[in-house]
């Protein structure tokens, strides 16, 4: 927090003492930022203790304290899980495959949790057409009818990856990367989402139709 006029700071081991007028202290606390130690994940707490040092008017000297619990999560997906599932369920590894795992389908609709998270839905909400891959009109004949498709994608999680792939044989080998698929456009939808339009670099032919898909990956966070 930037220095505030009238407030003195006395750092000590494990605590920080701020002295100053009440209005100035409010300004300092309004800009308070919690930063966990690198690699820390779990529960922490911020303890605030206020003492008027005997300067209170009516009622004599006043003191008060407040403990604010803080939970440091591994990533946005973990926060999404904690928003929709109980701590008891998440602590039960036996329920991972069927309830809260990335590829679990607790709603029984065939759409896994990771797909619901990537689409901005809850685990028990059905995904509509707007959340799925949409095939767009192909290029005009002069350009060889290149397959074009789009997907609404979460953009606010650096660990979540979308991989567009194309093929002429859906039961065979799929190709991805910029050599096979280009990103034609990205349109910001707000709230951390965007619609991305992909274009197959290989032209489709009557005897060789083209197919496209988008795969999801959740990378593990790297070391601090």
C-alpha atoms as a PDB file:
ATOM      1  CA  UNK A   1       0.000   0.000   0.000  1.00  0.00           C
ATOM      2  CA  UNK A   2       1.431   3.474  -0.847  1.00  0.00           C
ATOM      3  CA  UNK A   3       2.371   5.637   2.177  1.00  0.00           C
ATOM      4  CA  UNK A   4      -0.530   7.642   3.565  1.00  0.00           C
ATOM      5  CA  UNK A   5       0.016  10.999   5.237  1.00  0.00           C
ATOM      6  CA  UNK A   6      -0.217  10.783   9.019  1.00  0.00           C
ATOM      7  CA  UNK A   7       0.361   7.020   9.240  1.00  0.00           C
ATOM      8  CA  UNK A   8       3.565   5.537  10.629  1.00  0.00           C
ATOM      9  CA  UNK A   9       4.516   1.914   9.987  1.00  0.00           C
ATOM     10  CA  UNK A  10       6.305  -0.276  12.524  1.00  0.00           C
ATOM     11  CA  UNK A  11       7.120  -3.684  10.977  1.00  0.00           C
ATOM     12  CA  UNK A  12       7.782  -6.526  13.417  1.00  0.00           C
ATOM     13  CA  UNK A  13       8.204 -10.292  13.101  1.00  0.00           C
ATOM     14  CA  UNK A  14       4.871 -11.760  12.012  1.00  0.00           C
ATOM     15  CA  UNK A  15       2.938  -8.511  12.334  1.00  0.00           C
ATOM     16  CA  UNK A  16       2.679  -4.933  11.162  1.00  0.00           C
ATOM     17  CA  UNK A  17       1.681  -2.040  13.409  1.00  0.00           C
ATOM     18  CA  UNK A  18       0.091   1.059  11.881  1.00  0.00           C
ATOM     19  CA  UNK A  19      -0.278   4.252  13.905  1.00  0.00           C
ATOM     20  CA  UNK A  20      -2.262   7.259  12.724  1.00  0.00           C
ATOM     21  CA  UNK A  21      -5.617   9.058  12.598  1.00  0.00           C
ATOM     22  CA  UNK A  22      -8.678   6.886  12.062  1.00  0.00           C
ATOM     23  CA  UNK A  23      -9.462   8.304   8.610  1.00  0.00           C
ATOM     24  CA  UNK A  24      -5.902   7.710   7.406  1.00  0.00           C
ATOM     25  CA  UNK A  25      -5.920   4.145   8.708  1.00  0.00           C
ATOM     26  CA  UNK A  26      -9.148   3.472   6.811  1.00  0.00           C
ATOM     27  CA  UNK A  27      -7.399   4.591   3.620  1.00  0.00           C
ATOM     28  CA  UNK A  28      -4.504   2.210   4.263  1.00  0.00           C
ATOM     29  CA  UNK A  29      -6.733  -0.785   5.008  1.00  0.00           C
ATOM     30  CA  UNK A  30      -8.905  -0.107   1.949  1.00  0.00           C
ATOM     31  CA  UNK A  31      -5.860  -0.841  -0.215  1.00  0.00           C
ATOM     32  CA  UNK A  32      -4.654  -3.868   1.724  1.00  0.00           C
ATOM     33  CA  UNK A  33      -3.503  -6.745  -0.503  1.00  0.00           C
ATOM     34  CA  UNK A  34      -2.812 -10.297   0.670  1.00  0.00           C
ATOM     35  CA  UNK A  35       0.048 -12.095  -1.083  1.00  0.00           C
ATOM     36  CA  UNK A  36       0.742 -15.702  -0.037  1.00  0.00           C
ATOM     37  CA  UNK A  37       4.235 -17.140   0.049  1.00  0.00           C
ATOM     38  CA  UNK A  38       5.297 -18.734  -3.267  1.00  0.00           C
ATOM     39  CA  UNK A  39       3.902 -22.246  -3.549  1.00  0.00           C
ATOM     40  CA  UNK A  40       1.522 -21.884  -0.581  1.00  0.00           C
ATOM     41  CA  UNK A  41      -1.918 -23.475  -0.997  1.00  0.00           C
ATOM     42  CA  UNK A  42      -4.369 -23.865   1.876  1.00  0.00           C
ATOM     43  CA  UNK A  43      -5.956 -21.915   4.717  1.00  0.00           C
ATOM     44  CA  UNK A  44      -4.551 -18.751   6.266  1.00  0.00           C
ATOM     45  CA  UNK A  45      -5.975 -15.919   8.338  1.00  0.00           C
ATOM     46  CA  UNK A  46      -5.533 -12.180   8.692  1.00  0.00           C
ATOM     47  CA  UNK A  47      -5.898 -10.929  12.281  1.00  0.00           C
ATOM     48  CA  UNK A  48      -6.777  -7.256  12.696  1.00  0.00           C
ATOM     49  CA  UNK A  49      -6.414  -5.741  16.169  1.00  0.00           C
ATOM     50  CA  UNK A  50      -7.408  -2.124  16.820  1.00  0.00           C
ATOM     51  CA  UNK A  51      -6.459  -0.131  19.917  1.00  0.00           C
ATOM     52  CA  UNK A  52      -7.261   3.556  20.390  1.00  0.00           C
ATOM     53  CA  UNK A  53      -4.383   3.837  22.903  1.00  0.00           C
ATOM     54  CA  UNK A  54      -6.637   5.467  25.455  1.00  0.00           C
ATOM     55  CA  UNK A  55      -7.716   8.297  23.180  1.00  0.00           C
ATOM     56  CA  UNK A  56     -11.357   7.270  23.026  1.00  0.00           C
ATOM     57  CA  UNK A  57     -13.867   9.797  24.131  1.00  0.00           C
ATOM     58  CA  UNK A  58     -17.073   8.395  25.517  1.00  0.00           C
ATOM     59  CA  UNK A  59     -16.733   4.958  27.100  1.00  0.00           C
ATOM     60  CA  UNK A  60     -13.016   5.053  27.837  1.00  0.00           C
ATOM     61  CA  UNK A  61     -10.274   3.151  26.049  1.00  0.00           C
ATOM     62  CA  UNK A  62     -11.501   0.875  23.280  1.00  0.00           C
ATOM     63  CA  UNK A  63     -10.018  -2.232  21.650  1.00  0.00           C
ATOM     64  CA  UNK A  64     -11.394  -4.697  19.149  1.00  0.00           C
ATOM     65  CA  UNK A  65     -10.157  -7.515  16.941  1.00  0.00           C
ATOM     66  CA  UNK A  66     -11.295  -9.283  13.788  1.00  0.00           C
ATOM     67  CA  UNK A  67     -10.022 -12.500  12.199  1.00  0.00           C
ATOM     68  CA  UNK A  68     -10.520 -12.787   8.437  1.00  0.00           C
ATOM     69  CA  UNK A  69     -10.152 -16.347   7.047  1.00  0.00           C
ATOM     70  CA  UNK A  70      -8.274 -16.626   3.745  1.00  0.00           C
ATOM     71  CA  UNK A  71      -8.235 -19.645   1.441  1.00  0.00           C
ATOM     72  CA  UNK A  72      -5.444 -19.803  -1.130  1.00  0.00           C
ATOM     73  CA  UNK A  73      -6.513 -21.937  -4.098  1.00  0.00           C
ATOM     74  CA  UNK A  74      -4.315 -23.653  -6.647  1.00  0.00           C
ATOM     75  CA  UNK A  75      -6.072 -22.204  -9.720  1.00  0.00           C
ATOM     76  CA  UNK A  76      -9.387 -20.924 -11.086  1.00  0.00           C
ATOM     77  CA  UNK A  77     -10.647 -24.425 -11.758  1.00  0.00           C
ATOM     78  CA  UNK A  78     -10.124 -25.332  -8.093  1.00  0.00           C
ATOM     79  CA  UNK A  79     -12.154 -22.263  -7.119  1.00  0.00           C
ATOM     80  CA  UNK A  80     -14.916 -23.384  -9.519  1.00  0.00           C
ATOM     81  CA  UNK A  81     -14.959 -26.836  -7.908  1.00  0.00           C
ATOM     82  CA  UNK A  82     -15.218 -25.347  -4.412  1.00  0.00           C
ATOM     83  CA  UNK A  83     -18.065 -23.132  -5.581  1.00  0.00           C
ATOM     84  CA  UNK A  84     -20.145 -26.099  -6.773  1.00  0.00           C
ATOM     85  CA  UNK A  85     -19.107 -29.041  -4.574  1.00  0.00           C
ATOM     86  CA  UNK A  86     -18.824 -29.423  -0.808  1.00  0.00           C
ATOM     87  CA  UNK A  87     -15.485 -29.717   0.983  1.00  0.00           C
ATOM     88  CA  UNK A  88     -16.519 -33.190   2.122  1.00  0.00           C
ATOM     89  CA  UNK A  89     -17.100 -34.346  -1.462  1.00  0.00           C
ATOM     90  CA  UNK A  90     -13.831 -32.860  -2.698  1.00  0.00           C
ATOM     91  CA  UNK A  91     -11.923 -34.550   0.114  1.00  0.00           C
ATOM     92  CA  UNK A  92     -13.381 -37.926  -0.894  1.00  0.00           C
ATOM     93  CA  UNK A  93     -11.127 -39.331  -3.628  1.00  0.00           C
ATOM     94  CA  UNK A  94     -13.611 -42.138  -4.256  1.00  0.00           C
ATOM     95  CA  UNK A  95     -16.025 -39.529  -5.666  1.00  0.00           C
ATOM     96  CA  UNK A  96     -13.534 -37.981  -8.092  1.00  0.00           C
ATOM     97  CA  UNK A  97     -14.319 -40.203 -11.084  1.00  0.00           C
ATOM     98  CA  UNK A  98     -18.100 -39.803 -10.862  1.00  0.00           C
ATOM     99  CA  UNK A  99     -18.631 -36.406  -9.210  1.00  0.00           C
ATOM    100  CA  UNK A 100     -15.892 -33.785  -9.186  1.00  0.00           C
ATOM    101  CA  UNK A 101     -13.053 -34.968 -11.445  1.00  0.00           C
ATOM    102  CA  UNK A 102     -12.198 -33.093 -14.639  1.00  0.00           C
ATOM    103  CA  UNK A 103     -13.828 -35.784 -16.785  1.00  0.00           C
ATOM    104  CA  UNK A 104     -16.645 -36.698 -14.396  1.00  0.00           C
ATOM    105  CA  UNK A 105     -20.206 -36.091 -15.643  1.00  0.00           C
ATOM    106  CA  UNK A 106     -22.271 -35.575 -12.461  1.00  0.00           C
ATOM    107  CA  UNK A 107     -25.268 -34.351 -14.476  1.00  0.00           C
ATOM    108  CA  UNK A 108     -25.264 -37.545 -16.540  1.00  0.00           C
ATOM    109  CA  UNK A 109     -25.467 -35.564 -19.787  1.00  0.00           C
ATOM    110  CA  UNK A 110     -22.150 -36.669 -21.247  1.00  0.00           C
ATOM    111  CA  UNK A 111     -20.484 -33.265 -20.802  1.00  0.00           C
ATOM    112  CA  UNK A 112     -17.593 -33.455 -18.295  1.00  0.00           C
ATOM    113  CA  UNK A 113     -16.857 -30.902 -15.607  1.00  0.00           C
ATOM    114  CA  UNK A 114     -13.913 -29.455 -17.525  1.00  0.00           C
ATOM    115  CA  UNK A 115     -16.161 -28.714 -20.519  1.00  0.00           C
ATOM    116  CA  UNK A 116     -18.734 -27.044 -18.235  1.00  0.00           C
ATOM    117  CA  UNK A 117     -16.002 -24.966 -16.586  1.00  0.00           C
ATOM    118  CA  UNK A 118     -14.515 -23.955 -19.938  1.00  0.00           C
ATOM    119  CA  UNK A 119     -17.977 -22.900 -21.142  1.00  0.00           C
ATOM    120  CA  UNK A 120     -18.765 -20.880 -18.022  1.00  0.00           C
ATOM    121  CA  UNK A 121     -21.546 -23.166 -16.792  1.00  0.00           C
ATOM    122  CA  UNK A 122     -22.088 -25.063 -13.558  1.00  0.00           C
ATOM    123  CA  UNK A 123     -21.573 -28.846 -13.381  1.00  0.00           C
ATOM    124  CA  UNK A 124     -25.312 -29.531 -13.301  1.00  0.00           C
ATOM    125  CA  UNK A 125     -26.281 -27.021 -16.021  1.00  0.00           C
ATOM    126  CA  UNK A 126     -26.935 -28.334 -19.537  1.00  0.00           C
ATOM    127  CA  UNK A 127     -24.716 -26.925 -22.275  1.00  0.00           C
ATOM    128  CA  UNK A 128     -26.620 -25.248 -25.082  1.00  0.00           C
ATOM    129  CA  UNK A 129     -25.650 -24.828 -28.717  1.00  0.00           C
ATOM    130  CA  UNK A 130     -23.908 -21.549 -27.866  1.00  0.00           C
ATOM    131  CA  UNK A 131     -21.397 -23.478 -25.741  1.00  0.00           C
ATOM    132  CA  UNK A 132     -20.531 -26.058 -28.390  1.00  0.00           C
ATOM    133  CA  UNK A 133     -18.402 -26.034 -31.523  1.00  0.00           C
ATOM    134  CA  UNK A 134     -20.328 -24.267 -34.279  1.00  0.00           C
ATOM    135  CA  UNK A 135     -19.654 -24.950 -37.962  1.00  0.00           C
ATOM    136  CA  UNK A 136     -19.556 -21.740 -40.006  1.00  0.00           C
ATOM    137  CA  UNK A 137     -20.063 -21.165 -43.738  1.00  0.00           C
ATOM    138  CA  UNK A 138     -17.006 -22.319 -45.669  1.00  0.00           C
ATOM    139  CA  UNK A 139     -14.892 -20.067 -47.872  1.00  0.00           C
ATOM    140  CA  UNK A 140     -16.187 -19.402 -51.368  1.00  0.00           C
ATOM    141  CA  UNK A 141     -15.242 -21.877 -54.130  1.00  0.00           C
ATOM    142  CA  UNK A 142     -12.333 -19.711 -55.258  1.00  0.00           C
ATOM    143  CA  UNK A 143     -10.646 -20.447 -51.942  1.00  0.00           C
ATOM    144  CA  UNK A 144     -11.327 -24.175 -52.044  1.00  0.00           C
ATOM    145  CA  UNK A 145     -14.040 -24.560 -49.387  1.00  0.00           C
ATOM    146  CA  UNK A 146     -11.934 -24.493 -46.218  1.00  0.00           C
ATOM    147  CA  UNK A 147     -13.736 -25.729 -43.101  1.00  0.00           C
ATOM    148  CA  UNK A 148     -14.424 -22.969 -40.553  1.00  0.00           C
ATOM    149  CA  UNK A 149     -15.681 -23.520 -37.013  1.00  0.00           C
ATOM    150  CA  UNK A 150     -15.880 -21.531 -33.787  1.00  0.00           C
ATOM    151  CA  UNK A 151     -16.126 -22.034 -30.040  1.00  0.00           C
ATOM    152  CA  UNK A 152     -16.922 -19.832 -27.055  1.00  0.00           C
ATOM    153  CA  UNK A 153     -13.785 -20.116 -24.905  1.00  0.00           C
ATOM    154  CA  UNK A 154     -12.768 -19.124 -21.397  1.00  0.00           C
ATOM    155  CA  UNK A 155      -9.834 -16.700 -21.603  1.00  0.00           C
ATOM    156  CA  UNK A 156      -9.154 -15.887 -17.942  1.00  0.00           C
ATOM    157  CA  UNK A 157      -7.407 -19.136 -16.949  1.00  0.00           C
ATOM    158  CA  UNK A 158      -3.802 -19.473 -18.202  1.00  0.00           C
ATOM    159  CA  UNK A 159      -3.779 -23.175 -17.275  1.00  0.00           C
ATOM    160  CA  UNK A 160      -6.739 -24.018 -19.524  1.00  0.00           C
ATOM    161  CA  UNK A 161      -5.763 -24.824 -23.102  1.00  0.00           C
ATOM    162  CA  UNK A 162      -7.888 -25.259 -26.222  1.00  0.00           C
ATOM    163  CA  UNK A 163      -6.438 -27.301 -29.083  1.00  0.00           C
ATOM    164  CA  UNK A 164      -8.230 -27.143 -32.444  1.00  0.00           C
ATOM    165  CA  UNK A 165      -7.654 -30.175 -34.662  1.00  0.00           C
ATOM    166  CA  UNK A 166      -8.743 -31.231 -38.162  1.00  0.00           C
ATOM    167  CA  UNK A 167      -8.795 -34.433 -40.183  1.00  0.00           C
ATOM    168  CA  UNK A 168     -10.244 -36.151 -43.248  1.00  0.00           C
ATOM    169  CA  UNK A 169     -10.907 -39.319 -41.249  1.00  0.00           C
ATOM    170  CA  UNK A 170     -12.536 -38.888 -37.806  1.00  0.00           C
ATOM    171  CA  UNK A 171     -11.460 -42.423 -36.905  1.00  0.00           C
ATOM    172  CA  UNK A 172      -7.875 -41.775 -37.976  1.00  0.00           C
ATOM    173  CA  UNK A 173      -5.175 -39.230 -37.189  1.00  0.00           C
ATOM    174  CA  UNK A 174      -6.054 -35.663 -36.218  1.00  0.00           C
ATOM    175  CA  UNK A 175      -3.723 -32.716 -36.928  1.00  0.00           C
ATOM    176  CA  UNK A 176      -3.384 -29.564 -34.845  1.00  0.00           C
ATOM    177  CA  UNK A 177      -1.128 -26.567 -34.432  1.00  0.00           C
ATOM    178  CA  UNK A 178      -0.744 -23.489 -36.647  1.00  0.00           C
ATOM    179  CA  UNK A 179       0.412 -25.601 -39.606  1.00  0.00           C
ATOM    180  CA  UNK A 180      -2.959 -27.387 -39.708  1.00  0.00           C
ATOM    181  CA  UNK A 181      -5.407 -24.852 -38.241  1.00  0.00           C
ATOM    182  CA  UNK A 182      -5.273 -21.079 -38.185  1.00  0.00           C
ATOM    183  CA  UNK A 183      -7.089 -18.758 -35.796  1.00  0.00           C
ATOM    184  CA  UNK A 184      -9.110 -16.552 -38.118  1.00  0.00           C
ATOM    185  CA  UNK A 185     -10.491 -14.202 -35.470  1.00  0.00           C
ATOM    186  CA  UNK A 186     -11.041 -13.744 -31.739  1.00  0.00           C
ATOM    187  CA  UNK A 187     -14.024 -11.710 -30.517  1.00  0.00           C
ATOM    188  CA  UNK A 188     -14.164 -10.577 -26.889  1.00  0.00           C
ATOM    189  CA  UNK A 189     -17.468 -11.555 -25.242  1.00  0.00           C
ATOM    190  CA  UNK A 190     -16.693  -9.977 -21.864  1.00  0.00           C
ATOM    191  CA  UNK A 191     -16.471 -11.584 -18.422  1.00  0.00           C
ATOM    192  CA  UNK A 192     -13.331 -13.505 -19.380  1.00  0.00           C
ATOM    193  CA  UNK A 193     -14.751 -15.204 -22.494  1.00  0.00           C
ATOM    194  CA  UNK A 194     -14.167 -14.885 -26.233  1.00  0.00           C
ATOM    195  CA  UNK A 195     -15.445 -16.504 -29.421  1.00  0.00           C
ATOM    196  CA  UNK A 196     -12.578 -17.937 -31.445  1.00  0.00           C
ATOM    197  CA  UNK A 197     -13.000 -18.768 -35.141  1.00  0.00           C
ATOM    198  CA  UNK A 198     -10.742 -21.485 -36.586  1.00  0.00           C
ATOM    199  CA  UNK A 199     -10.012 -22.188 -40.265  1.00  0.00           C
ATOM    200  CA  UNK A 200      -8.737 -25.481 -41.652  1.00  0.00           C
ATOM    201  CA  UNK A 201      -5.669 -24.891 -43.833  1.00  0.00           C
ATOM    202  CA  UNK A 202      -6.503 -27.925 -45.988  1.00  0.00           C
ATOM    203  CA  UNK A 203      -9.283 -27.461 -48.518  1.00  0.00           C
ATOM    204  CA  UNK A 204     -12.175 -29.922 -48.511  1.00  0.00           C
ATOM    205  CA  UNK A 205     -13.122 -31.836 -51.642  1.00  0.00           C
ATOM    206  CA  UNK A 206     -16.214 -33.812 -52.564  1.00  0.00           C
ATOM    207  CA  UNK A 207     -14.321 -37.074 -52.203  1.00  0.00           C
ATOM    208  CA  UNK A 208     -12.511 -35.859 -49.071  1.00  0.00           C
ATOM    209  CA  UNK A 209     -14.681 -33.993 -46.531  1.00  0.00           C
ATOM    210  CA  UNK A 210     -12.979 -32.321 -43.573  1.00  0.00           C
ATOM    211  CA  UNK A 211     -13.806 -32.571 -39.867  1.00  0.00           C
ATOM    212  CA  UNK A 212     -12.865 -30.317 -36.957  1.00  0.00           C
ATOM    213  CA  UNK A 213     -12.862 -30.492 -33.175  1.00  0.00           C
ATOM    214  CA  UNK A 214     -11.517 -28.585 -30.160  1.00  0.00           C
ATOM    215  CA  UNK A 215      -9.881 -30.507 -27.317  1.00  0.00           C
ATOM    216  CA  UNK A 216      -9.502 -29.240 -23.740  1.00  0.00           C
ATOM    217  CA  UNK A 217      -6.462 -29.557 -21.500  1.00  0.00           C
ATOM    218  CA  UNK A 218      -5.751 -28.382 -17.964  1.00  0.00           C
ATOM    219  CA  UNK A 219      -2.014 -27.871 -17.486  1.00  0.00           C
ATOM    220  CA  UNK A 220      -0.386 -28.323 -14.099  1.00  0.00           C
ATOM    221  CA  UNK A 221       0.948 -25.038 -12.691  1.00  0.00           C
ATOM    222  CA  UNK A 222       4.695 -24.705 -13.046  1.00  0.00           C
ATOM    223  CA  UNK A 223       7.127 -24.072 -10.186  1.00  0.00           C
ATOM    224  CA  UNK A 224       7.222 -20.636  -8.640  1.00  0.00           C
END
